[in-house]
């Protein structure tokens, strides 16, 4: 997992979402990124098992030019 946020605040802020960071997930296979959808589902399942609120495939973002295994939807995990 990689987490992104601007320095030095280490978070983003939106009046509707509150404080947040952006994260990406994938497994490496033979030195290449793969399995984004499976990895995203696994992360959401793990977060849900830990009691976090999870919105899987929360909203669509265009990834038509992506060479990766992505359906274009992002998931949202609420971490208090």
Protein backbone atom coordinates (compact mmCIF):
# COMPACT_ATOMS: atom_id res chain seq x y z
CA UNK A 1 0.00 0.00 0.00
CA UNK A 2 1.16 3.52 -0.77
CA UNK A 3 -0.39 6.49 0.98
CA UNK A 4 -0.24 10.01 -0.46
CA UNK A 5 -0.75 13.36 1.25
CA UNK A 6 0.84 16.80 0.82
CA UNK A 7 3.84 17.72 2.94
CA UNK A 8 4.03 19.07 5.65
CA UNK A 9 0.35 18.61 6.61
CA UNK A 10 0.32 14.85 5.83
CA UNK A 11 -3.39 14.93 4.95
CA UNK A 12 -5.94 16.44 2.57
CA UNK A 13 -9.06 18.25 3.75
CA UNK A 14 -12.49 18.57 2.15
CA UNK A 15 -15.56 20.18 3.74
CA UNK A 16 -17.63 17.08 2.88
CA UNK A 17 -15.09 14.31 3.53
CA UNK A 18 -13.11 15.89 6.36
CA UNK A 19 -9.45 14.91 6.71
CA UNK A 20 -8.19 12.15 4.41
CA UNK A 21 -5.24 10.59 2.59
CA UNK A 22 -5.15 8.77 -0.75
CA UNK A 23 -3.90 5.20 -0.88
CA UNK A 24 -3.17 2.72 -3.66
CA UNK A 25 -2.78 -1.03 -3.43
CA UNK A 26 -1.39 -3.78 -5.65
CA UNK A 27 0.65 -6.96 -5.40
CA UNK A 28 3.94 -7.37 -7.22
CA UNK A 29 4.28 -10.39 -9.44
CA UNK A 30 7.59 -11.01 -11.19
CA UNK A 31 8.55 -7.40 -10.42
CA UNK A 32 5.39 -5.99 -12.00
CA UNK A 33 2.22 -4.58 -10.43
CA UNK A 34 -0.77 -6.84 -10.79
CA UNK A 35 -4.10 -7.87 -9.35
CA UNK A 36 -5.39 -4.41 -8.37
CA UNK A 37 -9.05 -5.42 -8.16
CA UNK A 38 -8.34 -8.53 -6.11
CA UNK A 39 -5.98 -6.58 -3.83
CA UNK A 40 -8.50 -3.77 -3.34
CA UNK A 41 -11.22 -6.30 -2.46
CA UNK A 42 -8.85 -8.03 0.01
CA UNK A 43 -7.98 -4.73 1.69
CA UNK A 44 -11.66 -3.79 1.99
CA UNK A 45 -12.49 -7.20 3.45
CA UNK A 46 -9.66 -6.92 5.99
CA UNK A 47 -10.73 -3.39 6.99
CA UNK A 48 -14.36 -4.55 7.33
CA UNK A 49 -13.23 -7.47 9.53
CA UNK A 50 -11.43 -4.95 11.76
CA UNK A 51 -14.68 -3.01 12.20
CA UNK A 52 -13.98 -0.09 9.86
CA UNK A 53 -16.70 1.36 7.66
CA UNK A 54 -16.04 0.34 4.05
CA UNK A 55 -17.66 1.61 0.85
CA UNK A 56 -16.37 -0.75 -1.82
CA UNK A 57 -16.44 0.62 -5.39
CA UNK A 58 -17.53 3.96 -3.90
CA UNK A 59 -17.17 6.10 -7.01
CA UNK A 60 -15.94 5.84 -10.59
CA UNK A 61 -12.81 7.53 -11.88
CA UNK A 62 -11.70 7.19 -15.46
CA UNK A 63 -8.86 4.71 -15.92
CA UNK A 64 -9.44 3.81 -19.54
CA UNK A 65 -5.75 4.30 -20.40
CA UNK A 66 -4.53 2.26 -17.41
CA UNK A 67 -2.47 -0.84 -18.29
CA UNK A 68 -3.51 -2.38 -14.97
CA UNK A 69 -6.36 -4.61 -13.83
CA UNK A 70 -8.76 -1.87 -12.72
CA UNK A 71 -12.50 -1.48 -13.12
CA UNK A 72 -12.22 2.30 -12.63
CA UNK A 73 -13.96 2.38 -9.25
CA UNK A 74 -12.30 3.45 -6.02
CA UNK A 75 -13.18 2.22 -2.54
CA UNK A 76 -13.48 4.33 0.59
CA UNK A 77 -12.42 3.11 4.05
CA UNK A 78 -13.35 5.29 7.03
CA UNK A 79 -10.63 5.16 9.69
CA UNK A 80 -11.59 7.09 12.83
